[in-house]
């Protein structure tokens, strides 16, 4: 079993995109059984239609796809209402936040109402991590520490440049926040994945590809090449994700 915790559907204003058919074909090609699907930022900047699409698609392919909603915390009460709609009417299973594309700092107080909604509905929150000024690991640590009951999944290990201060910050984020799990997309250093698993537990890492921005097959290899026991690779590949998603 393999679960990809981080994929996107449709065409983003930032130039990346894929169809449902393309994603399903790649999942079949690389032996991926299930995937979390998230909205992209559309050309009209409004997430409601994208959330609707994700809900409809994940319902149609419920044996393969798990839908997350996406909101912009800068919309304040409207963002919270959209989370409520996505859970109560659309049946989506988590929240995806992209501080870089929506241009907000993840530690800003405007994010708090959205995380409070996630806590209320017991939703996991996936954050696009490692972006300069808006989602550095120390900023993610700040918001995660305020909500210890919320499960946070941080893409790219909370760092895009996994060296120097970013590497130190990422490990500190994981060490200080047991409610944080890191996702593997873009982590080119096997030793980082290995160290996190060995020092902080096999349950702290999930595989994610960030498809289609990254190549789904190559990202899978990144995760599987880590020098870990078969039990720990299994946890990284699917059992941790299954627990977070309450499958």
Protein backbone atom coordinates (compact mmCIF):
# COMPACT_ATOMS: atom_id res chain seq x y z
CA UNK A 1 0.00 0.00 0.00
CA UNK A 2 1.18 3.53 -0.83
CA UNK A 3 -0.61 6.79 -0.02
CA UNK A 4 0.54 10.03 -1.65
CA UNK A 5 -0.35 12.77 0.85
CA UNK A 6 0.12 15.73 -1.49
CA UNK A 7 -1.24 16.14 -5.03
CA UNK A 8 -3.13 18.84 -6.93
CA UNK A 9 -5.79 18.80 -9.64
CA UNK A 10 -6.69 21.29 -12.42
CA UNK A 11 -4.74 24.26 -13.74
CA UNK A 12 -3.09 26.80 -11.45
CA UNK A 13 -2.59 30.46 -12.24
CA UNK A 14 1.06 29.75 -11.41
CA UNK A 15 1.43 27.50 -14.46
CA UNK A 16 1.23 23.95 -13.16
CA UNK A 17 -1.69 21.57 -13.44
CA UNK A 18 -2.97 18.10 -14.25
CA UNK A 19 -6.23 16.38 -15.03
CA UNK A 20 -7.82 13.71 -12.90
CA UNK A 21 -7.06 11.18 -15.61
CA UNK A 22 -3.37 12.12 -15.63
CA UNK A 23 -3.14 11.74 -11.86
CA UNK A 24 -4.94 8.39 -11.83
CA UNK A 25 -2.76 7.10 -14.67
CA UNK A 26 0.40 8.09 -12.78
CA UNK A 27 -0.89 6.52 -9.60
CA UNK A 28 -1.47 3.29 -11.47
CA UNK A 29 1.92 3.51 -13.18
CA UNK A 30 3.84 3.94 -9.92
CA UNK A 31 1.73 1.68 -7.72
CA UNK A 32 0.14 4.40 -5.60
CA UNK A 33 -3.13 3.23 -4.07
CA UNK A 34 -4.58 6.47 -2.70
CA UNK A 35 -3.80 10.18 -2.89
CA UNK A 36 -4.80 13.34 -1.08
CA UNK A 37 -5.98 15.83 -3.70
CA UNK A 38 -5.89 19.60 -3.10
CA UNK A 39 -7.14 22.56 -5.10
CA UNK A 40 -4.79 24.79 -7.06
CA UNK A 41 -5.06 28.58 -7.08
CA UNK A 42 -7.40 29.28 -10.00
CA UNK A 43 -7.27 32.14 -12.45
CA UNK A 44 -10.26 33.82 -10.80
CA UNK A 45 -8.66 33.58 -7.32
CA UNK A 46 -11.83 32.03 -5.82
CA UNK A 47 -11.48 28.65 -4.14
CA UNK A 48 -15.15 27.68 -3.82
CA UNK A 49 -15.37 26.26 -7.35
CA UNK A 50 -12.08 24.40 -6.90
CA UNK A 51 -13.28 22.94 -3.61
CA UNK A 52 -16.48 21.86 -5.34
CA UNK A 53 -14.45 20.12 -8.03
CA UNK A 54 -12.23 18.35 -5.50
CA UNK A 55 -15.30 17.18 -3.57
CA UNK A 56 -17.06 15.88 -6.68
CA UNK A 57 -13.93 14.15 -7.97
CA UNK A 58 -12.95 12.56 -4.66
CA UNK A 59 -16.50 11.27 -4.26
CA UNK A 60 -16.45 9.78 -7.77
CA UNK A 61 -13.12 8.08 -7.13
CA UNK A 62 -13.59 7.48 -3.41
CA UNK A 63 -11.51 4.30 -3.55
CA UNK A 64 -8.52 6.33 -4.79
CA UNK A 65 -8.79 10.01 -3.83
CA UNK A 66 -9.20 11.89 -0.53
CA UNK A 67 -10.20 15.52 -0.92
CA UNK A 68 -8.84 18.50 1.04
CA UNK A 69 -10.27 22.01 0.81
CA UNK A 70 -8.23 25.15 0.34
CA UNK A 71 -8.97 28.59 1.76
CA UNK A 72 -7.28 31.97 2.02
CA UNK A 73 -7.11 33.11 5.66
CA UNK A 74 -7.00 36.72 4.50
CA UNK A 75 -10.69 36.30 3.69
CA UNK A 76 -11.27 36.07 7.44
CA UNK A 77 -14.89 35.06 8.23
CA UNK A 78 -15.45 33.97 4.63
CA UNK A 79 -12.57 31.53 4.91
CA UNK A 80 -14.04 30.00 8.05
CA UNK A 81 -17.46 29.72 6.42
CA UNK A 82 -15.84 28.00 3.44
CA UNK A 83 -14.21 25.45 5.75
CA UNK A 84 -17.60 24.86 7.35
CA UNK A 85 -19.23 24.39 3.93
CA UNK A 86 -16.48 22.08 2.74
CA UNK A 87 -16.88 19.82 5.76
CA UNK A 88 -20.62 19.85 6.32
CA UNK A 89 -21.85 19.97 2.72
CA UNK A 90 -18.96 18.68 0.61
CA UNK A 91 -17.49 16.08 2.96
CA UNK A 92 -13.86 17.09 2.48
CA UNK A 93 -11.34 15.59 4.89
CA UNK A 94 -8.71 18.24 5.58
CA UNK A 95 -7.44 21.76 4.90
CA UNK A 96 -4.58 22.80 2.64
CA UNK A 97 -2.91 26.18 3.21
CA UNK A 98 -0.37 27.74 0.84
CA UNK A 99 1.13 30.84 2.47
CA UNK A 100 3.39 31.56 -0.51
CA UNK A 101 0.69 31.58 -3.18
CA UNK A 102 -1.84 33.37 -0.94
CA UNK A 103 0.82 35.76 0.44
CA UNK A 104 0.20 35.49 4.17
CA UNK A 105 2.49 34.55 7.02
CA UNK A 106 1.48 31.22 8.53
CA UNK A 107 2.15 32.57 12.04
CA UNK A 108 -0.07 35.63 11.53
CA UNK A 109 -3.16 35.95 13.70
CA UNK A 110 -5.37 35.90 10.58
CA UNK A 111 -4.65 32.16 10.35
CA UNK A 112 -5.99 31.44 13.84
CA UNK A 113 -9.74 31.29 12.97
CA UNK A 114 -9.06 28.76 10.20
CA UNK A 115 -7.05 26.54 12.55
CA UNK A 116 -9.76 26.89 15.18
CA UNK A 117 -12.22 25.58 12.59
CA UNK A 118 -9.87 22.68 11.85
CA UNK A 119 -9.71 21.90 15.56
CA UNK A 120 -13.50 22.04 15.84
CA UNK A 121 -13.99 19.60 12.96
CA UNK A 122 -10.92 17.51 13.90
CA UNK A 123 -9.36 18.08 10.48
CA UNK A 124 -5.69 17.63 9.60
CA UNK A 125 -4.06 20.79 8.23
CA UNK A 126 -1.43 20.57 5.48
CA UNK A 127 0.83 23.61 5.11
CA UNK A 128 3.10 24.34 2.15
CA UNK A 129 6.33 24.77 4.08
CA UNK A 130 9.75 26.29 3.69
CA UNK A 131 8.88 29.47 1.82
CA UNK A 132 10.96 32.53 2.57
CA UNK A 133 9.27 35.04 4.91
CA UNK A 134 5.89 33.26 5.02
CA UNK A 135 6.29 29.59 6.02
CA UNK A 136 9.72 29.04 7.46
CA UNK A 137 9.89 26.23 9.98
CA UNK A 138 10.05 28.58 12.96
CA UNK A 139 6.87 30.32 11.76
CA UNK A 140 5.07 26.99 11.35
CA UNK A 141 6.27 25.98 14.81
CA UNK A 142 4.64 29.09 16.23
CA UNK A 143 1.15 28.28 14.92
CA UNK A 144 1.45 24.54 15.63
CA UNK A 145 2.43 25.19 19.25
CA UNK A 146 -0.75 27.20 19.74
CA UNK A 147 -2.91 24.27 18.62
CA UNK A 148 -1.44 21.08 20.09
CA UNK A 149 -4.62 19.09 19.36
CA UNK A 150 -4.48 19.81 15.61
CA UNK A 151 -2.51 17.48 13.35
CA UNK A 152 -0.27 19.46 10.98
CA UNK A 153 1.38 17.99 7.87
CA UNK A 154 4.22 20.17 6.61
CA UNK A 155 5.31 19.81 2.99
CA UNK A 156 8.97 19.51 1.99
CA UNK A 157 9.95 18.89 5.59
CA UNK A 158 9.23 22.54 6.41
CA UNK A 159 12.21 23.67 4.32
CA UNK A 160 12.97 24.11 0.66
CA UNK A 161 16.70 24.74 1.06
CA UNK A 162 17.61 21.87 3.37
CA UNK A 163 20.92 23.21 4.59
CA UNK A 164 22.24 25.69 7.14
CA UNK A 165 19.73 27.46 9.35
CA UNK A 166 16.74 26.03 7.47
CA UNK A 167 17.83 22.51 8.36
CA UNK A 168 18.28 23.41 12.02
CA UNK A 169 14.92 25.19 12.13
CA UNK A 170 13.14 22.22 10.58
CA UNK A 171 14.49 19.76 13.10
CA UNK A 172 13.67 22.12 15.95
CA UNK A 173 10.11 22.46 14.62
CA UNK A 174 9.69 18.68 14.66
CA UNK A 175 11.35 18.24 18.05
CA UNK A 176 9.21 20.86 19.77
CA UNK A 177 5.84 19.99 18.19
CA UNK A 178 4.69 16.36 18.44
CA UNK A 179 1.55 17.28 16.47
CA UNK A 180 3.66 17.92 13.34
CA UNK A 181 4.30 15.32 10.64
CA UNK A 182 6.56 16.17 7.73
CA UNK A 183 5.85 15.29 4.11
CA UNK A 184 8.73 14.26 1.83
CA UNK A 185 8.29 16.14 -1.47
CA UNK A 186 11.49 17.83 -2.58
CA UNK A 187 13.62 16.48 0.27
CA UNK A 188 16.74 15.47 -1.62
CA UNK A 189 18.73 14.52 1.48
CA UNK A 190 18.01 10.96 2.55
CA UNK A 191 19.91 11.58 5.77
CA UNK A 192 17.35 14.18 6.86
CA UNK A 193 14.46 11.73 6.50
CA UNK A 194 16.48 9.00 8.19
CA UNK A 195 17.47 11.24 11.09
CA UNK A 196 13.93 12.43 11.74
CA UNK A 197 12.60 8.88 11.79
CA UNK A 198 15.38 7.57 13.99
CA UNK A 199 15.40 10.48 16.46
CA UNK A 200 11.71 11.39 16.67
CA UNK A 201 9.82 8.27 15.60
CA UNK A 202 8.63 6.45 12.51
CA UNK A 203 5.22 8.16 12.77
CA UNK A 204 6.65 11.63 12.02
CA UNK A 205 7.03 11.32 8.22
CA UNK A 206 4.62 10.69 5.32
CA UNK A 207 5.28 10.33 1.62
CA UNK A 208 3.98 13.11 -0.61
CA UNK A 209 4.86 13.99 -4.19
CA UNK A 210 3.47 17.53 -4.67
CA UNK A 211 2.37 16.32 -8.10
CA UNK A 212 2.30 17.82 -10.71
CA UNK A 213 4.85 20.45 -9.60
CA UNK A 214 7.21 17.58 -8.84
CA UNK A 215 7.48 14.24 -10.64
CA UNK A 216 5.39 11.68 -8.80
CA UNK A 217 7.62 8.70 -9.66
CA UNK A 218 10.85 10.44 -8.71
CA UNK A 219 9.42 11.72 -5.43
CA UNK A 220 8.33 8.19 -4.55
CA UNK A 221 11.87 6.96 -5.14
CA UNK A 222 13.25 9.75 -2.91
CA UNK A 223 11.18 8.44 -0.02
CA UNK A 224 11.81 4.75 -0.64
CA UNK A 225 15.56 5.16 -1.01
CA UNK A 226 15.90 6.23 2.61
CA UNK A 227 18.02 3.73 4.56
CA UNK A 228 15.30 2.56 6.93
CA UNK A 229 13.87 -0.78 7.96
CA UNK A 230 10.96 -2.21 5.98
CA UNK A 231 8.68 -1.47 8.94
CA UNK A 232 9.68 2.21 8.92
CA UNK A 233 9.34 2.49 5.14
CA UNK A 234 5.86 1.00 5.46
CA UNK A 235 4.97 3.63 8.06
CA UNK A 236 6.29 6.40 5.81
CA UNK A 237 4.55 4.96 2.74
CA UNK A 238 1.05 4.55 4.12
CA UNK A 239 0.30 3.64 7.73
CA UNK A 240 1.08 7.11 9.09
CA UNK A 241 -1.06 8.70 6.39
CA UNK A 242 -3.91 6.27 7.07
CA UNK A 243 -3.94 7.26 10.74
CA UNK A 244 -3.90 10.98 9.96
CA UNK A 245 -6.75 10.52 7.50
CA UNK A 246 -8.65 8.16 9.82
CA UNK A 247 -8.97 5.57 7.07
